[in-house]
Amino acid sequence: MEITDPKAIRALAHAARLEVISELYSTQVSRTATELAAQTGLTPSAMSYHLRALQKWGIVVPAATAGDARERRWKAAGTDFTINSGGGVASPEFAVLDLELDAFRRRVNAYAKTRDERRRRGEPADSSVVLASNLLYLTPAQRTELTEKIFGLLRGYELEDPDHVPEEAERMATMWSMIPDDRGRAPAAPAAPARVARS
């Protein structure tokens, strides 16, 4: 699922909607408005509104109902989700990026709070947070190749059956980005001084 319409991208600029997209696309499991509302702190009716908005743009679709048919189930409209605004400086995808970064900060703060509480109780604190930053020089072809390799690697760790999570598995949030560095190209190294031969 690739979103290119600026209006659709603007429609995504809401924390609850991004949470829904992340949940449905990453797990590939259908959810009800009530289940998704519990994750975002919204009421089920407010979540139903956001789900209908996402349905309008073809991002989520109704899912088959199992058992209790009183509440509609929703699922991702595809297996992968990409926002592509054509790279405009004022593109609405930056509003979406701000929300994604806010969600990342929320996860980091929640993890830090839990870790500190465990340490206060004398329990071992798991160090499962990984944060890395690299500066690379890439041609357009290399950027495409690297992106495909990263996504291919991540797909290799996705659950084959979302209903069967390994017993010791912990839900982990990942974030990967690639953006031109604001400092541009590094300055060229100064030429070495010429040596003068003496006889």
C-alpha atoms as a PDB file:
ATOM      1  CA  MET A   1       0.000   0.000   0.000  1.00  0.00           C
ATOM      2  CA  GLU A   2       1.646   3.236  -1.198  1.00  0.00           C
ATOM      3  CA  ILE A   3       0.070   6.581  -0.319  1.00  0.00           C
ATOM      4  CA  THR A   4       0.882   9.407  -2.753  1.00  0.00           C
ATOM      5  CA  ASP A   5      -2.192  11.673  -2.581  1.00  0.00           C
ATOM      6  CA  PRO A   6      -1.333  14.741  -0.424  1.00  0.00           C
ATOM      7  CA  LYS A   7      -4.887  14.785   0.955  1.00  0.00           C
ATOM      8  CA  ALA A   8      -4.537  11.162   2.050  1.00  0.00           C
ATOM      9  CA  ILE A   9      -1.165  11.922   3.641  1.00  0.00           C
ATOM     10  CA  ARG A  10      -2.686  14.844   5.556  1.00  0.00           C
ATOM     11  CA  ALA A  11      -5.460  12.504   6.711  1.00  0.00           C
ATOM     12  CA  LEU A  12      -2.797  10.347   8.346  1.00  0.00           C
ATOM     13  CA  ALA A  13      -1.429  13.193  10.457  1.00  0.00           C
ATOM     14  CA  HIS A  14      -3.141  12.034  13.625  1.00  0.00           C
ATOM     15  CA  ALA A  15      -1.456   9.966  16.335  1.00  0.00           C
ATOM     16  CA  ALA A  16      -4.380   7.540  16.711  1.00  0.00           C
ATOM     17  CA  ARG A  17      -4.540   6.857  12.976  1.00  0.00           C
ATOM     18  CA  LEU A  18      -0.805   6.164  12.811  1.00  0.00           C
ATOM     19  CA  GLU A  19      -1.157   3.827  15.790  1.00  0.00           C
ATOM     20  CA  VAL A  20      -3.912   1.948  13.936  1.00  0.00           C
ATOM     21  CA  ILE A  21      -1.804   1.676  10.783  1.00  0.00           C
ATOM     22  CA  SER A  22       1.196   0.476  12.749  1.00  0.00           C
ATOM     23  CA  GLU A  23      -0.862  -2.134  14.612  1.00  0.00           C
ATOM     24  CA  LEU A  24      -2.814  -3.507  11.649  1.00  0.00           C
ATOM     25  CA  TYR A  25       0.033  -3.526   9.123  1.00  0.00           C
ATOM     26  CA  SER A  26       2.700  -4.890  11.447  1.00  0.00           C
ATOM     27  CA  THR A  27       0.573  -7.677  12.951  1.00  0.00           C
ATOM     28  CA  GLN A  28      -1.662  -8.428   9.939  1.00  0.00           C
ATOM     29  CA  VAL A  29      -4.371  -9.296  12.498  1.00  0.00           C
ATOM     30  CA  SER A  30      -7.878  -7.845  12.388  1.00  0.00           C
ATOM     31  CA  ARG A  31      -9.006  -5.694  15.318  1.00  0.00           C
ATOM     32  CA  THR A  32     -12.241  -4.099  16.488  1.00  0.00           C
ATOM     33  CA  ALA A  33     -12.631  -0.399  17.196  1.00  0.00           C
ATOM     34  CA  THR A  34     -12.858  -1.247  20.897  1.00  0.00           C
ATOM     35  CA  GLU A  35      -9.553  -3.164  20.826  1.00  0.00           C
ATOM     36  CA  LEU A  36      -7.779  -0.363  18.958  1.00  0.00           C
ATOM     37  CA  ALA A  37      -9.316   2.307  21.192  1.00  0.00           C
ATOM     38  CA  ALA A  38      -7.843   0.583  24.251  1.00  0.00           C
ATOM     39  CA  GLN A  39      -4.355   0.995  22.772  1.00  0.00           C
ATOM     40  CA  THR A  40      -4.747   4.686  21.978  1.00  0.00           C
ATOM     41  CA  GLY A  41      -6.798   5.966  24.917  1.00  0.00           C
ATOM     42  CA  LEU A  42      -9.742   6.943  22.704  1.00  0.00           C
ATOM     43  CA  THR A  43     -13.370   5.937  23.055  1.00  0.00           C
ATOM     44  CA  PRO A  44     -14.601   3.176  20.701  1.00  0.00           C
ATOM     45  CA  SER A  45     -16.861   5.681  18.934  1.00  0.00           C
ATOM     46  CA  ALA A  46     -13.944   8.071  18.303  1.00  0.00           C
ATOM     47  CA  MET A  47     -11.851   5.162  17.035  1.00  0.00           C
ATOM     48  CA  SER A  48     -14.685   4.106  14.696  1.00  0.00           C
ATOM     49  CA  TYR A  49     -14.578   7.614  13.215  1.00  0.00           C
ATOM     50  CA  HIS A  50     -10.828   7.334  12.533  1.00  0.00           C
ATOM     51  CA  LEU A  51     -11.228   3.848  11.055  1.00  0.00           C
ATOM     52  CA  ARG A  52     -13.885   5.085   8.641  1.00  0.00           C
ATOM     53  CA  ALA A  53     -11.558   7.945   7.613  1.00  0.00           C
ATOM     54  CA  LEU A  54      -8.775   5.436   6.918  1.00  0.00           C
ATOM     55  CA  GLN A  55     -11.219   3.256   5.003  1.00  0.00           C
ATOM     56  CA  LYS A  56     -12.107   6.237   2.806  1.00  0.00           C
ATOM     57  CA  TRP A  57      -8.506   6.342   1.562  1.00  0.00           C
ATOM     58  CA  GLY A  58      -8.291   2.556   1.150  1.00  0.00           C
ATOM     59  CA  ILE A  59      -5.786   2.133   3.999  1.00  0.00           C
ATOM     60  CA  VAL A  60      -7.930  -0.236   6.090  1.00  0.00           C
ATOM     61  CA  VAL A  61     -10.819  -2.467   5.063  1.00  0.00           C
ATOM     62  CA  PRO A  62     -13.540  -4.375   6.916  1.00  0.00           C
ATOM     63  CA  ALA A  63     -12.476  -7.891   7.956  1.00  0.00           C
ATOM     64  CA  ALA A  64     -14.424 -11.101   8.343  1.00  0.00           C
ATOM     65  CA  THR A  65     -16.194 -11.325  11.682  1.00  0.00           C
ATOM     66  CA  ALA A  66     -15.662 -14.398  13.822  1.00  0.00           C
ATOM     67  CA  GLY A  67     -18.007 -15.214  16.703  1.00  0.00           C
ATOM     68  CA  ASP A  68     -19.703 -12.070  18.005  1.00  0.00           C
ATOM     69  CA  ALA A  69     -20.821 -10.129  14.924  1.00  0.00           C
ATOM     70  CA  ARG A  70     -22.042  -7.082  16.859  1.00  0.00           C
ATOM     71  CA  GLU A  71     -18.835  -5.137  16.296  1.00  0.00           C
ATOM     72  CA  ARG A  72     -17.077  -4.728  12.962  1.00  0.00           C
ATOM     73  CA  ARG A  73     -13.508  -5.940  12.619  1.00  0.00           C
ATOM     74  CA  TRP A  74     -10.904  -4.060  10.589  1.00  0.00           C
ATOM     75  CA  LYS A  75      -7.713  -5.161   8.850  1.00  0.00           C
ATOM     76  CA  ALA A  76      -4.863  -3.670   6.830  1.00  0.00           C
ATOM     77  CA  ALA A  77      -5.556  -3.226   3.131  1.00  0.00           C
ATOM     78  CA  GLY A  78      -2.103  -4.626   2.303  1.00  0.00           C
ATOM     79  CA  THR A  79       1.028  -6.107   3.821  1.00  0.00           C
ATOM     80  CA  ASP A  80       3.368  -3.084   3.641  1.00  0.00           C
ATOM     81  CA  PHE A  81       2.717   0.626   4.020  1.00  0.00           C
ATOM     82  CA  THR A  82       4.666   3.449   2.357  1.00  0.00           C
ATOM     83  CA  ILE A  83       4.175   7.218   2.201  1.00  0.00           C
ATOM     84  CA  ASN A  84       5.551   8.826  -0.964  1.00  0.00           C
ATOM     85  CA  SER A  85       4.853  12.528  -1.438  1.00  0.00           C
ATOM     86  CA  GLY A  86       7.395  13.100  -4.185  1.00  0.00           C
ATOM     87  CA  GLY A  87       9.850  14.777  -1.836  1.00  0.00           C
ATOM     88  CA  GLY A  88       8.305  18.246  -1.672  1.00  0.00           C
ATOM     89  CA  VAL A  89       9.808  20.390   1.073  1.00  0.00           C
ATOM     90  CA  ALA A  90       6.420  21.407   2.445  1.00  0.00           C
ATOM     91  CA  SER A  91       4.910  17.967   1.939  1.00  0.00           C
ATOM     92  CA  PRO A  92       2.407  16.763   4.528  1.00  0.00           C
ATOM     93  CA  GLU A  93       4.493  13.661   5.204  1.00  0.00           C
ATOM     94  CA  PHE A  94       6.543  15.780   7.617  1.00  0.00           C
ATOM     95  CA  ALA A  95       3.500  16.145   9.863  1.00  0.00           C
ATOM     96  CA  VAL A  96       3.284  12.351   9.840  1.00  0.00           C
ATOM     97  CA  LEU A  97       6.990  12.137  10.627  1.00  0.00           C
ATOM     98  CA  ASP A  98       6.534  14.395  13.671  1.00  0.00           C
ATOM     99  CA  LEU A  99       3.844  12.056  14.987  1.00  0.00           C
ATOM    100  CA  GLU A 100       6.006   8.987  14.376  1.00  0.00           C
ATOM    101  CA  LEU A 101       8.854  10.624  16.300  1.00  0.00           C
ATOM    102  CA  ASP A 102       6.448  11.515  19.119  1.00  0.00           C
ATOM    103  CA  ALA A 103       5.346   7.867  19.273  1.00  0.00           C
ATOM    104  CA  PHE A 104       9.012   6.817  19.392  1.00  0.00           C
ATOM    105  CA  ARG A 105       9.691   9.240  22.262  1.00  0.00           C
ATOM    106  CA  ARG A 106       6.635   7.922  24.117  1.00  0.00           C
ATOM    107  CA  ARG A 107       7.922   4.345  23.786  1.00  0.00           C
ATOM    108  CA  VAL A 108      11.412   5.368  24.946  1.00  0.00           C
ATOM    109  CA  ASN A 109      10.044   7.211  27.992  1.00  0.00           C
ATOM    110  CA  ALA A 110       7.720   4.329  28.894  1.00  0.00           C
ATOM    111  CA  TYR A 111      10.579   1.847  28.594  1.00  0.00           C
ATOM    112  CA  ALA A 112      12.912   4.038  30.685  1.00  0.00           C
ATOM    113  CA  LYS A 113      10.262   4.351  33.415  1.00  0.00           C
ATOM    114  CA  THR A 114       9.728   0.574  33.527  1.00  0.00           C
ATOM    115  CA  ARG A 115      13.488  -0.085  33.562  1.00  0.00           C
ATOM    116  CA  ASP A 116      14.049   2.382  36.412  1.00  0.00           C
ATOM    117  CA  GLU A 117      11.237   0.796  38.450  1.00  0.00           C
ATOM    118  CA  ARG A 118      12.812  -2.640  37.998  1.00  0.00           C
ATOM    119  CA  ARG A 119      16.181  -1.316  39.112  1.00  0.00           C
ATOM    120  CA  ARG A 120      14.635   0.264  42.221  1.00  0.00           C
ATOM    121  CA  ARG A 121      13.147  -3.129  43.115  1.00  0.00           C
ATOM    122  CA  GLY A 122      16.540  -4.768  42.619  1.00  0.00           C
ATOM    123  CA  GLU A 123      15.387  -6.691  39.559  1.00  0.00           C
ATOM    124  CA  PRO A 124      17.619  -7.137  36.508  1.00  0.00           C
ATOM    125  CA  ALA A 125      16.938  -4.431  33.905  1.00  0.00           C
ATOM    126  CA  ASP A 126      16.800  -5.623  30.331  1.00  0.00           C
ATOM    127  CA  SER A 127      18.901  -3.535  27.911  1.00  0.00           C
ATOM    128  CA  SER A 128      16.945  -4.156  24.745  1.00  0.00           C
ATOM    129  CA  VAL A 129      17.043  -0.632  23.310  1.00  0.00           C
ATOM    130  CA  VAL A 130      19.245  -0.211  20.249  1.00  0.00           C
ATOM    131  CA  LEU A 131      19.854   3.190  18.715  1.00  0.00           C
ATOM    132  CA  ALA A 132      22.412   3.681  15.965  1.00  0.00           C
ATOM    133  CA  SER A 133      23.244   6.574  13.701  1.00  0.00           C
ATOM    134  CA  ASN A 134      25.467   6.462  10.634  1.00  0.00           C
ATOM    135  CA  LEU A 135      26.498   8.936   7.955  1.00  0.00           C
ATOM    136  CA  LEU A 136      26.828   7.349   4.525  1.00  0.00           C
ATOM    137  CA  TYR A 137      27.595   8.604   1.032  1.00  0.00           C
ATOM    138  CA  LEU A 138      25.138   6.885  -1.302  1.00  0.00           C
ATOM    139  CA  THR A 139      24.252   7.183  -4.951  1.00  0.00           C
ATOM    140  CA  PRO A 140      20.537   7.058  -5.856  1.00  0.00           C
ATOM    141  CA  ALA A 141      20.967   3.406  -6.887  1.00  0.00           C
ATOM    142  CA  GLN A 142      22.654   2.596  -3.567  1.00  0.00           C
ATOM    143  CA  ARG A 143      19.856   4.329  -1.621  1.00  0.00           C
ATOM    144  CA  THR A 144      17.279   2.161  -3.383  1.00  0.00           C
ATOM    145  CA  GLU A 145      19.367  -0.965  -2.829  1.00  0.00           C
ATOM    146  CA  LEU A 146      19.877  -0.231   0.882  1.00  0.00           C
ATOM    147  CA  THR A 147      16.159   0.440   1.431  1.00  0.00           C
ATOM    148  CA  GLU A 148      15.199  -2.826  -0.258  1.00  0.00           C
ATOM    149  CA  LYS A 149      17.760  -4.752   1.805  1.00  0.00           C
ATOM    150  CA  ILE A 150      16.569  -3.232   5.094  1.00  0.00           C
ATOM    151  CA  PHE A 151      12.906  -3.970   4.373  1.00  0.00           C
ATOM    152  CA  GLY A 152      13.810  -7.459   3.170  1.00  0.00           C
ATOM    153  CA  LEU A 153      15.710  -8.109   6.395  1.00  0.00           C
ATOM    154  CA  LEU A 154      12.801  -6.891   8.535  1.00  0.00           C
ATOM    155  CA  ARG A 155      10.333  -9.065   6.602  1.00  0.00           C
ATOM    156  CA  GLY A 156      12.462 -12.079   7.516  1.00  0.00           C
ATOM    157  CA  TYR A 157      11.589 -11.500  11.191  1.00  0.00           C
ATOM    158  CA  GLU A 158       7.858 -10.988  10.755  1.00  0.00           C
ATOM    159  CA  LEU A 159       5.573 -13.661  12.199  1.00  0.00           C
ATOM    160  CA  GLU A 160       4.466 -16.285   9.720  1.00  0.00           C
ATOM    161  CA  ASP A 161       1.293 -16.721  11.770  1.00  0.00           C
ATOM    162  CA  PRO A 162       0.329 -13.583  13.761  1.00  0.00           C
ATOM    163  CA  ASP A 163      -1.923 -15.713  15.994  1.00  0.00           C
ATOM    164  CA  HIS A 164       1.074 -17.722  17.259  1.00  0.00           C
ATOM    165  CA  VAL A 165       3.677 -15.545  18.956  1.00  0.00           C
ATOM    166  CA  PRO A 166       6.750 -17.428  20.288  1.00  0.00           C
ATOM    167  CA  GLU A 167       6.569 -17.880  24.056  1.00  0.00           C
ATOM    168  CA  GLU A 168       9.626 -15.731  24.904  1.00  0.00           C
ATOM    169  CA  ALA A 169       9.013 -13.113  22.204  1.00  0.00           C
ATOM    170  CA  GLU A 170       8.559  -9.500  23.282  1.00  0.00           C
ATOM    171  CA  ARG A 171       6.831  -6.931  21.099  1.00  0.00           C
ATOM    172  CA  MET A 172       9.528  -4.566  19.793  1.00  0.00           C
ATOM    173  CA  ALA A 173       9.029  -1.274  17.940  1.00  0.00           C
ATOM    174  CA  THR A 174      11.532  -0.542  15.172  1.00  0.00           C
ATOM    175  CA  MET A 175      12.198   2.662  13.288  1.00  0.00           C
ATOM    176  CA  TRP A 176      14.507   3.149  10.341  1.00  0.00           C
ATOM    177  CA  SER A 177      15.094   6.345   8.411  1.00  0.00           C
ATOM    178  CA  MET A 178      17.257   7.759   5.662  1.00  0.00           C
ATOM    179  CA  ILE A 179      17.374  11.493   5.026  1.00  0.00           C
ATOM    180  CA  PRO A 180      19.915  13.788   3.336  1.00  0.00           C
ATOM    181  CA  ASP A 181      22.276  15.291   5.912  1.00  0.00           C
ATOM    182  CA  ASP A 182      21.892  19.051   6.350  1.00  0.00           C
ATOM    183  CA  ARG A 183      25.656  19.563   6.193  1.00  0.00           C
ATOM    184  CA  GLY A 184      25.839  18.293   2.611  1.00  0.00           C
ATOM    185  CA  ARG A 185      29.072  16.948   1.217  1.00  0.00           C
ATOM    186  CA  ALA A 186      32.142  16.814   3.420  1.00  0.00           C
ATOM    187  CA  PRO A 187      34.869  19.287   2.453  1.00  0.00           C
ATOM    188  CA  ALA A 188      37.633  17.814   0.358  1.00  0.00           C
ATOM    189  CA  ALA A 189      40.830  16.963   2.192  1.00  0.00           C
ATOM    190  CA  PRO A 190      43.599  19.545   1.645  1.00  0.00           C
ATOM    191  CA  ALA A 191      46.215  18.534  -0.873  1.00  0.00           C
ATOM    192  CA  ALA A 192      49.528  17.414   0.571  1.00  0.00           C
ATOM    193  CA  PRO A 193      52.295  20.012   0.162  1.00  0.00           C
ATOM    194  CA  ALA A 194      54.623  19.350  -2.765  1.00  0.00           C
ATOM    195  CA  ARG A 195      58.096  18.138  -1.894  1.00  0.00           C
ATOM    196  CA  VAL A 196      61.050  19.996  -3.340  1.00  0.00           C
ATOM    197  CA  ALA A 197      63.933  17.762  -4.322  1.00  0.00           C
ATOM    198  CA  ARG A 198      67.401  19.061  -3.434  1.00  0.00           C
ATOM    199  CA  SER A 199      70.625  17.889  -4.946  1.00  0.00           C
END
